[in-house]
């Protein structure tokens, strides 16, 4: 997907968030954390801090960190 879209595109950020959710469910917490961070930065850049999708990614990251 990164090859067909700009690497900092909201659709890429959504995919990174989804992959992070999968990794988290598999116990791959560090990898999930890195993907959440990348997705969060992209969402913030393109959609803004207060956008619901940005907030969702940030909450996913916060939940993961709280569980570790």
N, C-alpha and C. Protein backbone atom coordinates (compact mmCIF):
# COMPACT_ATOMS: atom_id res chain seq x y z
N UNK A 1 0.82 -1.18 0.00
CA UNK A 1 0.00 0.00 0.00
C UNK A 1 0.87 1.25 0.00
N UNK A 2 1.96 1.24 0.74
CA UNK A 2 2.83 2.41 0.78
C UNK A 2 3.40 2.73 -0.60
N UNK A 3 3.50 1.74 -1.48
CA UNK A 3 4.05 1.98 -2.81
C UNK A 3 3.05 2.71 -3.70
N UNK A 4 1.75 2.45 -3.53
CA UNK A 4 0.75 3.06 -4.40
C UNK A 4 0.22 4.38 -3.85
N UNK A 5 0.35 4.61 -2.58
CA UNK A 5 -0.07 5.86 -1.96
C UNK A 5 1.14 6.56 -1.37
N UNK A 6 0.99 7.83 -1.13
CA UNK A 6 2.04 8.54 -0.41
C UNK A 6 2.25 7.83 0.92
N UNK A 7 3.48 7.77 1.38
CA UNK A 7 3.76 7.05 2.63
C UNK A 7 3.10 7.70 3.83
N UNK A 8 2.69 8.94 3.72
CA UNK A 8 2.03 9.63 4.82
C UNK A 8 0.59 9.95 4.44
N UNK A 9 -0.14 8.95 4.03
CA UNK A 9 -1.53 9.09 3.60
C UNK A 9 -2.43 8.52 4.71
N UNK A 10 -3.60 9.13 4.95
CA UNK A 10 -4.48 8.60 5.99
C UNK A 10 -4.82 7.11 5.83
N UNK A 11 -4.95 6.63 4.60
CA UNK A 11 -5.25 5.20 4.40
C UNK A 11 -4.09 4.33 4.87
N UNK A 12 -2.88 4.81 4.71
CA UNK A 12 -1.71 4.08 5.22
C UNK A 12 -1.75 4.06 6.74
N UNK A 13 -2.09 5.19 7.34
CA UNK A 13 -2.19 5.27 8.80
C UNK A 13 -3.25 4.31 9.33
N UNK A 14 -4.39 4.22 8.65
CA UNK A 14 -5.44 3.27 9.06
C UNK A 14 -4.93 1.83 8.99
N UNK A 15 -4.21 1.52 7.93
CA UNK A 15 -3.66 0.17 7.79
C UNK A 15 -2.64 -0.14 8.87
N UNK A 16 -1.81 0.85 9.20
CA UNK A 16 -0.83 0.66 10.28
C UNK A 16 -1.53 0.42 11.61
N UNK A 17 -2.60 1.16 11.87
CA UNK A 17 -3.36 0.97 13.10
C UNK A 17 -3.95 -0.45 13.14
N UNK A 18 -4.51 -0.89 12.02
CA UNK A 18 -5.09 -2.24 11.97
C UNK A 18 -4.03 -3.31 12.17
N UNK A 19 -2.87 -3.12 11.57
CA UNK A 19 -1.78 -4.07 11.76
C UNK A 19 -1.32 -4.07 13.22
N UNK A 20 -1.28 -2.89 13.83
CA UNK A 20 -0.90 -2.80 15.24
C UNK A 20 -1.90 -3.56 16.11
N UNK A 21 -3.18 -3.45 15.80
CA UNK A 21 -4.19 -4.21 16.55
C UNK A 21 -3.95 -5.71 16.43
N UNK A 22 -3.62 -6.15 15.23
CA UNK A 22 -3.31 -7.57 15.02
C UNK A 22 -2.09 -7.99 15.83
N UNK A 23 -1.02 -7.21 15.72
CA UNK A 23 0.20 -7.53 16.47
C UNK A 23 -0.08 -7.56 17.97
N UNK A 24 -0.86 -6.61 18.44
CA UNK A 24 -1.18 -6.58 19.87
C UNK A 24 -1.91 -7.86 20.27
N UNK A 25 -2.85 -8.31 19.45
CA UNK A 25 -3.60 -9.53 19.77
C UNK A 25 -2.72 -10.77 19.75
N UNK A 26 -1.59 -10.69 19.05
CA UNK A 26 -0.64 -11.80 18.98
C UNK A 26 0.45 -11.71 20.05
N UNK A 27 0.38 -10.68 20.88
CA UNK A 27 1.39 -10.50 21.92
C UNK A 27 2.67 -9.85 21.42
N UNK A 28 2.65 -9.29 20.25
CA UNK A 28 3.82 -8.62 19.67
C UNK A 28 3.75 -7.13 20.03
N UNK A 29 3.88 -6.86 21.32
CA UNK A 29 3.58 -5.54 21.87
C UNK A 29 4.51 -4.44 21.40
N UNK A 30 5.79 -4.70 21.34
CA UNK A 30 6.73 -3.66 20.91
C UNK A 30 6.48 -3.26 19.46
N UNK A 31 6.25 -4.25 18.61
CA UNK A 31 5.95 -3.96 17.21
C UNK A 31 4.64 -3.18 17.08
N UNK A 32 3.65 -3.56 17.87
CA UNK A 32 2.38 -2.85 17.86
C UNK A 32 2.56 -1.40 18.31
N UNK A 33 3.35 -1.21 19.35
CA UNK A 33 3.59 0.15 19.86
C UNK A 33 4.21 1.03 18.78
N UNK A 34 5.19 0.52 18.07
CA UNK A 34 5.85 1.30 17.03
C UNK A 34 4.87 1.66 15.91
N UNK A 35 4.02 0.73 15.54
CA UNK A 35 3.03 1.01 14.49
C UNK A 35 2.00 2.03 14.95
N UNK A 36 1.55 1.91 16.20
CA UNK A 36 0.61 2.90 16.73
C UNK A 36 1.24 4.30 16.72
N UNK A 37 2.50 4.39 17.10
CA UNK A 37 3.18 5.68 17.10
C UNK A 37 3.24 6.27 15.70
N UNK A 38 3.58 5.45 14.73
CA UNK A 38 3.66 5.92 13.35
C UNK A 38 2.28 6.33 12.83
N UNK A 39 1.28 5.51 13.09
CA UNK A 39 -0.08 5.82 12.65
C UNK A 39 -0.60 7.09 13.31
N UNK A 40 -0.31 7.24 14.59
CA UNK A 40 -0.76 8.43 15.32
C UNK A 40 -0.15 9.70 14.74
N UNK A 41 1.12 9.67 14.43
CA UNK A 41 1.78 10.84 13.85
C UNK A 41 1.18 11.19 12.49
N UNK A 42 0.91 10.18 11.68
CA UNK A 42 0.31 10.42 10.37
C UNK A 42 -1.09 11.00 10.50
N UNK A 43 -1.89 10.40 11.37
CA UNK A 43 -3.26 10.89 11.57
C UNK A 43 -3.25 12.34 12.03
N UNK A 44 -2.38 12.64 12.97
CA UNK A 44 -2.29 14.01 13.49
C UNK A 44 -1.91 14.98 12.37
N UNK A 45 -0.97 14.58 11.53
CA UNK A 45 -0.51 15.44 10.44
C UNK A 45 -1.63 15.72 9.43
N UNK A 46 -2.37 14.70 9.05
CA UNK A 46 -3.35 14.86 7.98
C UNK A 46 -4.75 15.20 8.45
N UNK A 47 -5.14 14.71 9.62
CA UNK A 47 -6.51 14.90 10.07
C UNK A 47 -6.64 15.84 11.25
N UNK A 48 -5.53 16.09 11.93
CA UNK A 48 -5.57 16.98 13.10
C UNK A 48 -5.70 16.21 14.40
N UNK A 49 -5.30 16.87 15.46
CA UNK A 49 -5.26 16.27 16.80
C UNK A 49 -6.65 15.84 17.30
N UNK A 50 -7.69 16.61 16.95
CA UNK A 50 -9.02 16.37 17.51
C UNK A 50 -9.89 15.47 16.63
N UNK A 51 -9.37 14.98 15.53
CA UNK A 51 -10.17 14.12 14.64
C UNK A 51 -10.43 12.78 15.33
N UNK A 52 -11.63 12.23 15.17
CA UNK A 52 -11.96 10.96 15.83
C UNK A 52 -10.99 9.81 15.51
N UNK A 53 -10.51 9.73 14.29
CA UNK A 53 -9.57 8.65 13.96
C UNK A 53 -8.22 8.85 14.65
N UNK A 54 -7.79 10.08 14.76
CA UNK A 54 -6.54 10.38 15.48
C UNK A 54 -6.69 9.99 16.95
N UNK A 55 -7.82 10.34 17.51
CA UNK A 55 -8.08 10.03 18.92
C UNK A 55 -8.13 8.52 19.13
N UNK A 56 -8.75 7.79 18.22
CA UNK A 56 -8.83 6.33 18.33
C UNK A 56 -7.45 5.69 18.34
N UNK A 57 -6.59 6.11 17.42
CA UNK A 57 -5.24 5.55 17.37
C UNK A 57 -4.49 5.87 18.66
N UNK A 58 -4.61 7.11 19.12
CA UNK A 58 -3.93 7.50 20.35
C UNK A 58 -4.45 6.68 21.54
N UNK A 59 -5.76 6.44 21.59
CA UNK A 59 -6.33 5.63 22.67
C UNK A 59 -5.84 4.18 22.60
N UNK A 60 -5.71 3.66 21.39
CA UNK A 60 -5.16 2.31 21.24
C UNK A 60 -3.75 2.23 21.81
N UNK A 61 -2.95 3.23 21.49
CA UNK A 61 -1.57 3.28 22.00
C UNK A 61 -1.57 3.40 23.52
N UNK A 62 -2.39 4.30 24.05
CA UNK A 62 -2.44 4.49 25.50
C UNK A 62 -2.89 3.22 26.22
N UNK A 63 -3.86 2.52 25.64
CA UNK A 63 -4.33 1.27 26.24
C UNK A 63 -3.21 0.23 26.27
N UNK A 64 -2.49 0.12 25.16
CA UNK A 64 -1.38 -0.84 25.08
C UNK A 64 -0.33 -0.53 26.13
N UNK A 65 0.07 0.72 26.22
CA UNK A 65 1.12 1.11 27.17
C UNK A 65 0.66 0.85 28.60
N UNK A 66 -0.61 1.12 28.89
CA UNK A 66 -1.14 0.90 30.24
C UNK A 66 -1.14 -0.58 30.61
N UNK A 67 -1.31 -1.45 29.62
CA UNK A 67 -1.36 -2.89 29.87
C UNK A 67 0.02 -3.51 30.06
N UNK A 68 1.06 -2.83 29.60
CA UNK A 68 2.41 -3.40 29.68
C UNK A 68 2.99 -3.30 31.06
